[in-house]
């Protein structure tokens, strides 16, 4: 007998801002997902690291049965060297 799995996918848009840190590091902060932050030696590495941090923190929330923060619609960013939206795709079976 073949079992069919129902897979639901949802996408959320969170917002990241990047700032100059100490000793040339680039600090990344998710503005609408508390606790999701990282840093890298370059903007490129910081962007990758914060995506990983966001994904891992979201997975921890889900495993603990905690709701994910609601992404903000309007974000005010000051003093950032770069800002972007990051799509978090969640797949549930």
Foldseek 3Di string as FASTA:
>chain_A
DDDDDDKDKDKAKWKKFWAQDPPQKIKIDTPQFPPQIDIGNDPVVRVVRSLVSVQVVCVVCVVVVHDTGHHDDDDDDPRTPDMDIDMDMDMDD
